[in-house]
C-alpha atoms as a PDB file:
ATOM      1  CA  UNK A   1      52.823  24.904 -31.963  1.00  0.00           C
ATOM      2  CA  UNK A   2      51.582  24.523 -27.817  1.00  0.00           C
ATOM      3  CA  UNK A   3      49.668  27.789 -28.418  1.00  0.00           C
ATOM      4  CA  UNK A   4      47.733  26.385 -31.508  1.00  0.00           C
ATOM      5  CA  UNK A   5      46.826  23.354 -29.709  1.00  0.00           C
ATOM      6  CA  UNK A   6      45.685  25.343 -26.709  1.00  0.00           C
ATOM      7  CA  UNK A   7      42.995  26.610 -28.895  1.00  0.00           C
ATOM      8  CA  UNK A   8      41.827  23.067 -30.301  1.00  0.00           C
ATOM      9  CA  UNK A   9      39.455  22.230 -27.289  1.00  0.00           C
ATOM     10  CA  UNK A  10      37.658  25.570 -27.708  1.00  0.00           C
ATOM     11  CA  UNK A  11      37.237  25.156 -31.229  1.00  0.00           C
ATOM     12  CA  UNK A  12      35.901  21.508 -30.687  1.00  0.00           C
ATOM     13  CA  UNK A  13      33.285  22.679 -28.232  1.00  0.00           C
ATOM     14  CA  UNK A  14      32.306  25.756 -30.707  1.00  0.00           C
ATOM     15  CA  UNK A  15      31.770  23.146 -33.315  1.00  0.00           C
ATOM     16  CA  UNK A  16      29.808  20.724 -31.423  1.00  0.00           C
ATOM     17  CA  UNK A  17      27.631  23.845 -30.383  1.00  0.00           C
ATOM     18  CA  UNK A  18      26.939  24.557 -33.781  1.00  0.00           C
ATOM     19  CA  UNK A  19      26.355  20.982 -34.752  1.00  0.00           C
ATOM     20  CA  UNK A  20      24.019  20.743 -31.804  1.00  0.00           C
ATOM     21  CA  UNK A  21      22.008  24.093 -33.038  1.00  0.00           C
ATOM     22  CA  UNK A  22      21.854  22.264 -36.523  1.00  0.00           C
ATOM     23  CA  UNK A  23      20.457  19.076 -35.192  1.00  0.00           C
ATOM     24  CA  UNK A  24      17.107  17.771 -35.260  1.00  0.00           C
ATOM     25  CA  UNK A  25      13.709  19.625 -34.405  1.00  0.00           C
ATOM     26  CA  UNK A  26      10.742  17.503 -32.932  1.00  0.00           C
ATOM     27  CA  UNK A  27       7.466  18.840 -33.194  1.00  0.00           C
ATOM     28  CA  UNK A  28       4.085  17.109 -31.540  1.00  0.00           C
ATOM     29  CA  UNK A  29       0.867  18.191 -32.215  1.00  0.00           C
ATOM     30  CA  UNK A  30      -1.641  17.174 -29.272  1.00  0.00           C
ATOM     31  CA  UNK A  31      -4.834  18.939 -30.803  1.00  0.00           C
ATOM     32  CA  UNK A  32      -6.142  22.602 -31.159  1.00  0.00           C
ATOM     33  CA  UNK A  33      -3.143  24.871 -30.607  1.00  0.00           C
ATOM     34  CA  UNK A  34      -1.006  22.771 -28.370  1.00  0.00           C
ATOM     35  CA  UNK A  35       2.111  21.745 -29.343  1.00  0.00           C
ATOM     36  CA  UNK A  36       5.440  20.655 -28.000  1.00  0.00           C
ATOM     37  CA  UNK A  37       8.829  21.388 -29.484  1.00  0.00           C
ATOM     38  CA  UNK A  38      11.959  19.632 -28.408  1.00  0.00           C
ATOM     39  CA  UNK A  39      15.315  20.841 -29.419  1.00  0.00           C
ATOM     40  CA  UNK A  40      18.640  18.858 -30.160  1.00  0.00           C
ATOM     41  CA  UNK A  41      19.908  19.716 -26.610  1.00  0.00           C
ATOM     42  CA  UNK A  42      16.822  18.092 -25.512  1.00  0.00           C
ATOM     43  CA  UNK A  43      15.022  21.280 -24.522  1.00  0.00           C
ATOM     44  CA  UNK A  44      11.146  20.860 -24.756  1.00  0.00           C
ATOM     45  CA  UNK A  45       8.785  23.598 -25.220  1.00  0.00           C
ATOM     46  CA  UNK A  46       5.110  23.093 -24.805  1.00  0.00           C
ATOM     47  CA  UNK A  47       2.712  25.701 -26.300  1.00  0.00           C
ATOM     48  CA  UNK A  48      -0.623  26.698 -25.458  1.00  0.00           C
ATOM     49  CA  UNK A  49      -1.802  23.697 -23.583  1.00  0.00           C
ATOM     50  CA  UNK A  50      -5.294  23.274 -23.532  1.00  0.00           C
ATOM     51  CA  UNK A  51      -7.914  22.356 -20.646  1.00  0.00           C
ATOM     52  CA  UNK A  52     -10.748  20.107 -21.127  1.00  0.00           C
ATOM     53  CA  UNK A  53     -12.293  21.057 -24.674  1.00  0.00           C
ATOM     54  CA  UNK A  54     -12.673  17.436 -25.957  1.00  0.00           C
ATOM     55  CA  UNK A  55      -9.192  16.225 -26.698  1.00  0.00           C
ATOM     56  CA  UNK A  56      -7.329  13.686 -24.801  1.00  0.00           C
ATOM     57  CA  UNK A  57      -5.418  15.069 -22.014  1.00  0.00           C
ATOM     58  CA  UNK A  58      -1.839  14.077 -22.724  1.00  0.00           C
ATOM     59  CA  UNK A  59       0.801  13.846 -19.908  1.00  0.00           C
ATOM     60  CA  UNK A  60       3.379  16.029 -20.959  1.00  0.00           C
ATOM     61  CA  UNK A  61       6.798  17.052 -19.809  1.00  0.00           C
ATOM     62  CA  UNK A  62       8.752  20.367 -20.522  1.00  0.00           C
ATOM     63  CA  UNK A  63      11.179  22.918 -19.525  1.00  0.00           C
ATOM     64  CA  UNK A  64       9.378  25.654 -20.836  1.00  0.00           C
ATOM     65  CA  UNK A  65       5.670  26.634 -21.358  1.00  0.00           C
ATOM     66  CA  UNK A  66       4.638  29.275 -23.213  1.00  0.00           C
ATOM     67  CA  UNK A  67       1.259  30.962 -23.059  1.00  0.00           C
ATOM     68  CA  UNK A  68      -0.071  32.938 -25.920  1.00  0.00           C
ATOM     69  CA  UNK A  69      -3.057  34.382 -23.848  1.00  0.00           C
ATOM     70  CA  UNK A  70      -5.446  33.805 -21.363  1.00  0.00           C
ATOM     71  CA  UNK A  71      -8.064  31.578 -22.391  1.00  0.00           C
ATOM     72  CA  UNK A  72      -8.930  28.186 -21.034  1.00  0.00           C
ATOM     73  CA  UNK A  73      -8.016  26.383 -24.645  1.00  0.00           C
ATOM     74  CA  UNK A  74      -4.588  27.841 -24.460  1.00  0.00           C
ATOM     75  CA  UNK A  75      -3.440  28.666 -20.802  1.00  0.00           C
ATOM     76  CA  UNK A  76      -3.550  25.422 -18.645  1.00  0.00           C
ATOM     77  CA  UNK A  77       0.104  25.395 -17.679  1.00  0.00           C
ATOM     78  CA  UNK A  78      -0.634  23.095 -14.757  1.00  0.00           C
ATOM     79  CA  UNK A  79      -0.820  20.494 -17.128  1.00  0.00           C
ATOM     80  CA  UNK A  80       2.893  20.384 -18.184  1.00  0.00           C
ATOM     81  CA  UNK A  81       5.164  18.313 -15.592  1.00  0.00           C
ATOM     82  CA  UNK A  82       8.322  19.031 -14.943  1.00  0.00           C
ATOM     83  CA  UNK A  83       8.339  22.166 -12.842  1.00  0.00           C
ATOM     84  CA  UNK A  84       8.936  24.213 -16.442  1.00  0.00           C
ATOM     85  CA  UNK A  85       9.702  28.197 -16.669  1.00  0.00           C
ATOM     86  CA  UNK A  86       6.144  29.575 -17.410  1.00  0.00           C
ATOM     87  CA  UNK A  87       6.025  32.399 -20.310  1.00  0.00           C
ATOM     88  CA  UNK A  88       3.023  34.140 -20.204  1.00  0.00           C
ATOM     89  CA  UNK A  89       2.612  36.873 -23.054  1.00  0.00           C
ATOM     90  CA  UNK A  90      -0.100  38.782 -21.142  1.00  0.00           C
ATOM     91  CA  UNK A  91       0.035  40.655 -17.703  1.00  0.00           C
ATOM     92  CA  UNK A  92      -2.228  38.967 -14.980  1.00  0.00           C
ATOM     93  CA  UNK A  93      -6.073  39.192 -16.121  1.00  0.00           C
ATOM     94  CA  UNK A  94      -4.763  39.338 -19.723  1.00  0.00           C
ATOM     95  CA  UNK A  95      -5.346  43.169 -19.896  1.00  0.00           C
ATOM     96  CA  UNK A  96      -2.081  44.002 -21.572  1.00  0.00           C
ATOM     97  CA  UNK A  97       1.036  42.336 -23.336  1.00  0.00           C
ATOM     98  CA  UNK A  98       4.119  41.049 -21.387  1.00  0.00           C
ATOM     99  CA  UNK A  99       6.681  40.760 -24.048  1.00  0.00           C
ATOM    100  CA  UNK A 100       8.490  37.508 -24.103  1.00  0.00           C
ATOM    101  CA  UNK A 101      12.277  37.152 -24.539  1.00  0.00           C
ATOM    102  CA  UNK A 102      14.044  34.187 -23.284  1.00  0.00           C
ATOM    103  CA  UNK A 103      16.688  31.882 -23.799  1.00  0.00           C
ATOM    104  CA  UNK A 104      17.607  28.333 -22.372  1.00  0.00           C
ATOM    105  CA  UNK A 105      20.630  26.293 -24.100  1.00  0.00           C
ATOM    106  CA  UNK A 106      19.932  26.051 -27.917  1.00  0.00           C
ATOM    107  CA  UNK A 107      16.220  27.667 -27.371  1.00  0.00           C
ATOM    108  CA  UNK A 108      15.432  31.190 -27.965  1.00  0.00           C
ATOM    109  CA  UNK A 109      11.982  32.411 -27.632  1.00  0.00           C
ATOM    110  CA  UNK A 110      10.174  35.969 -28.214  1.00  0.00           C
ATOM    111  CA  UNK A 111       6.591  37.056 -28.548  1.00  0.00           C
ATOM    112  CA  UNK A 112       4.824  39.570 -30.999  1.00  0.00           C
ATOM    113  CA  UNK A 113       2.002  41.432 -29.809  1.00  0.00           C
ATOM    114  CA  UNK A 114      -1.229  41.193 -31.862  1.00  0.00           C
ATOM    115  CA  UNK A 115      -4.934  40.865 -31.402  1.00  0.00           C
ATOM    116  CA  UNK A 116      -7.391  38.118 -30.696  1.00  0.00           C
ATOM    117  CA  UNK A 117      -9.823  39.892 -33.040  1.00  0.00           C
ATOM    118  CA  UNK A 118     -10.031  42.135 -36.193  1.00  0.00           C
ATOM    119  CA  UNK A 119     -11.286  45.234 -34.064  1.00  0.00           C
ATOM    120  CA  UNK A 120      -8.147  45.634 -32.034  1.00  0.00           C
ATOM    121  CA  UNK A 121      -8.960  43.195 -28.985  1.00  0.00           C
ATOM    122  CA  UNK A 122     -12.604  45.104 -28.464  1.00  0.00           C
ATOM    123  CA  UNK A 123     -14.091  41.663 -29.139  1.00  0.00           C
ATOM    124  CA  UNK A 124     -11.828  39.413 -27.563  1.00  0.00           C
ATOM    125  CA  UNK A 125      -8.671  40.986 -26.147  1.00  0.00           C
ATOM    126  CA  UNK A 126      -4.999  40.989 -26.871  1.00  0.00           C
ATOM    127  CA  UNK A 127      -2.875  37.949 -27.944  1.00  0.00           C
ATOM    128  CA  UNK A 128       0.600  36.953 -29.307  1.00  0.00           C
ATOM    129  CA  UNK A 129       2.535  35.285 -31.869  1.00  0.00           C
ATOM    130  CA  UNK A 130       5.501  33.189 -30.337  1.00  0.00           C
ATOM    131  CA  UNK A 131       8.603  32.817 -31.981  1.00  0.00           C
ATOM    132  CA  UNK A 132      11.047  29.888 -31.334  1.00  0.00           C
ATOM    133  CA  UNK A 133      14.442  29.796 -32.638  1.00  0.00           C
ATOM    134  CA  UNK A 134      16.070  26.243 -32.353  1.00  0.00           C
ATOM    135  CA  UNK A 135      17.717  23.494 -34.493  1.00  0.00           C
ATOM    136  CA  UNK A 136      18.934  26.146 -36.985  1.00  0.00           C
ATOM    137  CA  UNK A 137      14.975  26.528 -37.753  1.00  0.00           C
ATOM    138  CA  UNK A 138      12.383  29.361 -36.833  1.00  0.00           C
ATOM    139  CA  UNK A 139       9.276  28.236 -35.731  1.00  0.00           C
ATOM    140  CA  UNK A 140       6.067  30.888 -35.639  1.00  0.00           C
ATOM    141  CA  UNK A 141       3.119  30.130 -33.436  1.00  0.00           C
ATOM    142  CA  UNK A 142       0.307  32.292 -34.259  1.00  0.00           C
ATOM    143  CA  UNK A 143      -2.122  30.879 -31.615  1.00  0.00           C
ATOM    144  CA  UNK A 144      -5.470  32.482 -31.833  1.00  0.00           C
ATOM    145  CA  UNK A 145      -4.584  35.548 -34.085  1.00  0.00           C
ATOM    146  CA  UNK A 146      -7.871  37.200 -35.050  1.00  0.00           C
ATOM    147  CA  UNK A 147      -6.341  39.349 -38.132  1.00  0.00           C
ATOM    148  CA  UNK A 148      -3.887  39.560 -40.742  1.00  0.00           C
ATOM    149  CA  UNK A 149      -0.481  41.106 -39.157  1.00  0.00           C
ATOM    150  CA  UNK A 150       0.478  44.378 -39.967  1.00  0.00           C
ATOM    151  CA  UNK A 151       3.637  45.204 -42.004  1.00  0.00           C
ATOM    152  CA  UNK A 152       5.493  46.153 -38.486  1.00  0.00           C
ATOM    153  CA  UNK A 153       4.300  42.567 -37.473  1.00  0.00           C
ATOM    154  CA  UNK A 154       5.332  40.923 -40.385  1.00  0.00           C
ATOM    155  CA  UNK A 155       8.837  42.495 -40.009  1.00  0.00           C
ATOM    156  CA  UNK A 156       9.163  41.400 -36.279  1.00  0.00           C
ATOM    157  CA  UNK A 157       8.694  38.030 -36.879  1.00  0.00           C
ATOM    158  CA  UNK A 158      11.312  37.990 -39.909  1.00  0.00           C
ATOM    159  CA  UNK A 159      12.339  34.780 -41.308  1.00  0.00           C
ATOM    160  CA  UNK A 160      10.101  31.827 -40.794  1.00  0.00           C
ATOM    161  CA  UNK A 161      10.631  28.005 -41.697  1.00  0.00           C
ATOM    162  CA  UNK A 162       7.635  26.332 -39.954  1.00  0.00           C
ATOM    163  CA  UNK A 163       4.553  28.241 -39.504  1.00  0.00           C
ATOM    164  CA  UNK A 164       1.805  26.657 -36.873  1.00  0.00           C
ATOM    165  CA  UNK A 165      -1.322  28.672 -38.009  1.00  0.00           C
ATOM    166  CA  UNK A 166      -4.595  29.015 -36.962  1.00  0.00           C
ATOM    167  CA  UNK A 167      -7.381  28.446 -39.927  1.00  0.00           C
ATOM    168  CA  UNK A 168     -10.775  27.780 -37.941  1.00  0.00           C
ATOM    169  CA  UNK A 169     -12.456  31.352 -38.102  1.00  0.00           C
ATOM    170  CA  UNK A 170     -14.900  32.904 -35.848  1.00  0.00           C
ATOM    171  CA  UNK A 171     -12.163  32.694 -32.858  1.00  0.00           C
ATOM    172  CA  UNK A 172      -9.113  33.473 -35.164  1.00  0.00           C
ATOM    173  CA  UNK A 173      -8.327  33.935 -38.708  1.00  0.00           C
ATOM    174  CA  UNK A 174     -10.247  31.826 -41.305  1.00  0.00           C
ATOM    175  CA  UNK A 175      -8.623  29.594 -43.926  1.00  0.00           C
ATOM    176  CA  UNK A 176      -8.438  32.322 -46.631  1.00  0.00           C
ATOM    177  CA  UNK A 177      -6.761  34.956 -44.433  1.00  0.00           C
ATOM    178  CA  UNK A 178      -4.199  32.204 -43.104  1.00  0.00           C
ATOM    179  CA  UNK A 179      -3.454  31.394 -46.823  1.00  0.00           C
ATOM    180  CA  UNK A 180      -2.568  35.290 -47.028  1.00  0.00           C
ATOM    181  CA  UNK A 181      -0.205  35.260 -44.372  1.00  0.00           C
ATOM    182  CA  UNK A 182       1.656  31.975 -45.809  1.00  0.00           C
ATOM    183  CA  UNK A 183       1.880  33.687 -49.131  1.00  0.00           C
ATOM    184  CA  UNK A 184       3.620  36.772 -47.080  1.00  0.00           C
ATOM    185  CA  UNK A 185       6.033  35.056 -45.133  1.00  0.00           C
ATOM    186  CA  UNK A 186       6.516  31.975 -47.431  1.00  0.00           C
ATOM    187  CA  UNK A 187       7.810  29.600 -44.897  1.00  0.00           C
ATOM    188  CA  UNK A 188       9.088  25.993 -45.911  1.00  0.00           C
ATOM    189  CA  UNK A 189       6.057  24.384 -43.885  1.00  0.00           C
ATOM    190  CA  UNK A 190       2.953  25.712 -42.870  1.00  0.00           C
ATOM    191  CA  UNK A 191       0.863  23.493 -40.287  1.00  0.00           C
ATOM    192  CA  UNK A 192      -2.903  24.343 -39.810  1.00  0.00           C
ATOM    193  CA  UNK A 193      -4.186  24.544 -36.118  1.00  0.00           C
ATOM    194  CA  UNK A 194      -7.182  25.615 -34.183  1.00  0.00           C
ATOM    195  CA  UNK A 195      -9.748  24.031 -36.541  1.00  0.00           C
ATOM    196  CA  UNK A 196     -12.869  21.904 -36.223  1.00  0.00           C
ATOM    197  CA  UNK A 197     -12.093  18.177 -35.733  1.00  0.00           C
ATOM    198  CA  UNK A 198     -14.377  15.496 -34.087  1.00  0.00           C
ATOM    199  CA  UNK A 199     -13.078  16.633 -30.729  1.00  0.00           C
ATOM    200  CA  UNK A 200     -14.384  20.204 -31.149  1.00  0.00           C
ATOM    201  CA  UNK A 201     -17.272  19.057 -33.605  1.00  0.00           C
ATOM    202  CA  UNK A 202     -19.635  21.324 -31.795  1.00  0.00           C
ATOM    203  CA  UNK A 203     -17.674  24.400 -31.887  1.00  0.00           C
ATOM    204  CA  UNK A 204     -18.300  27.051 -34.337  1.00  0.00           C
ATOM    205  CA  UNK A 205     -15.239  26.831 -36.084  1.00  0.00           C
ATOM    206  CA  UNK A 206     -14.472  25.838 -39.712  1.00  0.00           C
ATOM    207  CA  UNK A 207     -12.245  22.440 -40.191  1.00  0.00           C
ATOM    208  CA  UNK A 208      -8.841  23.002 -42.541  1.00  0.00           C
ATOM    209  CA  UNK A 209     -10.493  22.315 -45.989  1.00  0.00           C
ATOM    210  CA  UNK A 210     -10.715  26.191 -46.965  1.00  0.00           C
ATOM    211  CA  UNK A 211      -7.172  26.617 -45.938  1.00  0.00           C
ATOM    212  CA  UNK A 212      -5.801  23.608 -48.218  1.00  0.00           C
ATOM    213  CA  UNK A 213      -8.081  23.704 -51.069  1.00  0.00           C
ATOM    214  CA  UNK A 214      -6.505  24.978 -54.455  1.00  0.00           C
ATOM    215  CA  UNK A 215      -2.933  24.753 -52.775  1.00  0.00           C
ATOM    216  CA  UNK A 216      -0.432  23.057 -55.254  1.00  0.00           C
ATOM    217  CA  UNK A 217       1.528  21.247 -52.058  1.00  0.00           C
ATOM    218  CA  UNK A 218      -0.142  19.728 -49.687  1.00  0.00           C
ATOM    219  CA  UNK A 219       0.636  16.612 -47.491  1.00  0.00           C
ATOM    220  CA  UNK A 220      -1.491  14.590 -45.174  1.00  0.00           C
ATOM    221  CA  UNK A 221       1.128  13.381 -42.500  1.00  0.00           C
ATOM    222  CA  UNK A 222       0.442   9.754 -41.014  1.00  0.00           C
ATOM    223  CA  UNK A 223       0.747  10.678 -37.178  1.00  0.00           C
ATOM    224  CA  UNK A 224       0.814  13.901 -35.348  1.00  0.00           C
ATOM    225  CA  UNK A 225       4.906  14.000 -34.624  1.00  0.00           C
ATOM    226  CA  UNK A 226       7.252  15.111 -37.046  1.00  0.00           C
ATOM    227  CA  UNK A 227      11.357  15.358 -36.912  1.00  0.00           C
ATOM    228  CA  UNK A 228      12.931  17.989 -39.221  1.00  0.00           C
ATOM    229  CA  UNK A 229      16.285  19.712 -39.893  1.00  0.00           C
ATOM    230  CA  UNK A 230      17.244  22.428 -42.078  1.00  0.00           C
ATOM    231  CA  UNK A 231      18.215  19.824 -44.777  1.00  0.00           C
ATOM    232  CA  UNK A 232      14.757  18.053 -44.921  1.00  0.00           C
ATOM    233  CA  UNK A 233      12.467  21.362 -45.609  1.00  0.00           C
ATOM    234  CA  UNK A 234      11.059  21.395 -48.855  1.00  0.00           C
ATOM    235  CA  UNK A 235      12.633  23.640 -51.452  1.00  0.00           C
ATOM    236  CA  UNK A 236       9.178  25.139 -52.058  1.00  0.00           C
ATOM    237  CA  UNK A 237       6.613  25.966 -49.181  1.00  0.00           C
ATOM    238  CA  UNK A 238       4.169  23.118 -48.415  1.00  0.00           C
ATOM    239  CA  UNK A 239       1.377  22.563 -46.005  1.00  0.00           C
ATOM    240  CA  UNK A 240       1.352  19.838 -44.098  1.00  0.00           C
ATOM    241  CA  UNK A 241      -1.659  18.657 -41.971  1.00  0.00           C
ATOM    242  CA  UNK A 242      -0.495  16.557 -39.198  1.00  0.00           C
ATOM    243  CA  UNK A 243      -2.979  13.481 -38.186  1.00  0.00           C
ATOM    244  CA  UNK A 244      -5.229  14.487 -35.549  1.00  0.00           C
ATOM    245  CA  UNK A 245      -4.419  12.816 -32.061  1.00  0.00           C
ATOM    246  CA  UNK A 246      -6.291   9.800 -31.369  1.00  0.00           C
ATOM    247  CA  UNK A 247      -9.658  10.260 -29.350  1.00  0.00           C
ATOM    248  CA  UNK A 248      -9.865  13.819 -30.901  1.00  0.00           C
END
C-alpha cells in the first residue's frame, strides 16, 4: 500500500501541470503586429513590438520577446520591460534566418522561415512566422509575411488554432491571400493584423475589409484583449476583428 501512496504526489504534480497547460490564454493586441500572449503559468510573450509609428506606446512587461524581422515597426525590443529573453528570428543585420526554438515553463516557441515579399526577399528581405504553444493552444503569428506559404512551410506550421495574419497588402500579403491561408490552415480563430487604421492612415496599405468581406463568420470584438481556452474555441473557423486600441 505504501508503495502506491509514494507515487501520489508525483501523479498530483503531473495532473496539476496538465491542468495548467490546458488553462486560459490571454491575448492582447496593441495595434499593427504587436501582441502579447500570457500563458496559464503567467509567462508573457510580447511579439513584434513597434517603434514610433502612430499607435500609443504602451507600457508592457514580458518574460519573452519575439522579433520576426529587423524592421522598426516590428523590432522595438527595448520597449518591453522586465529583462525579457529576446528571441530574434534573423541574424544581426537581418541577412539570414536564425531559427528560434525556445521553451519556458508552459510556453514553447519555434520559428518558420519565410520572406517579406513575393520575390524571395529581393524587395524587403527575410521574415519569420512564429508559432507559440501555450494553454493547450497553438498560436501562429505571421508578421509581415509577403507571400502565400509553400507546402513545406504549411507543413512546418502544423495544426494552428489561432492565427494572427497580416491583411494590409503592399508590405505584406493582402486580404485575398490571407483568406487563402486561412482556408488552407483552417484555424478556429483568425485575427487580422498589420492593416490600415487611424494610426497608420498615411501608410500605403489597405484596411481589413477585403479580408472579412463575404466571410460567413465574422465577429467584431469590443476591446483589444481576449481570453481563450480549448473549450471556448468556435467549432467552425471565425474571423475576429479586435477593436483598435485607444488612440490608434
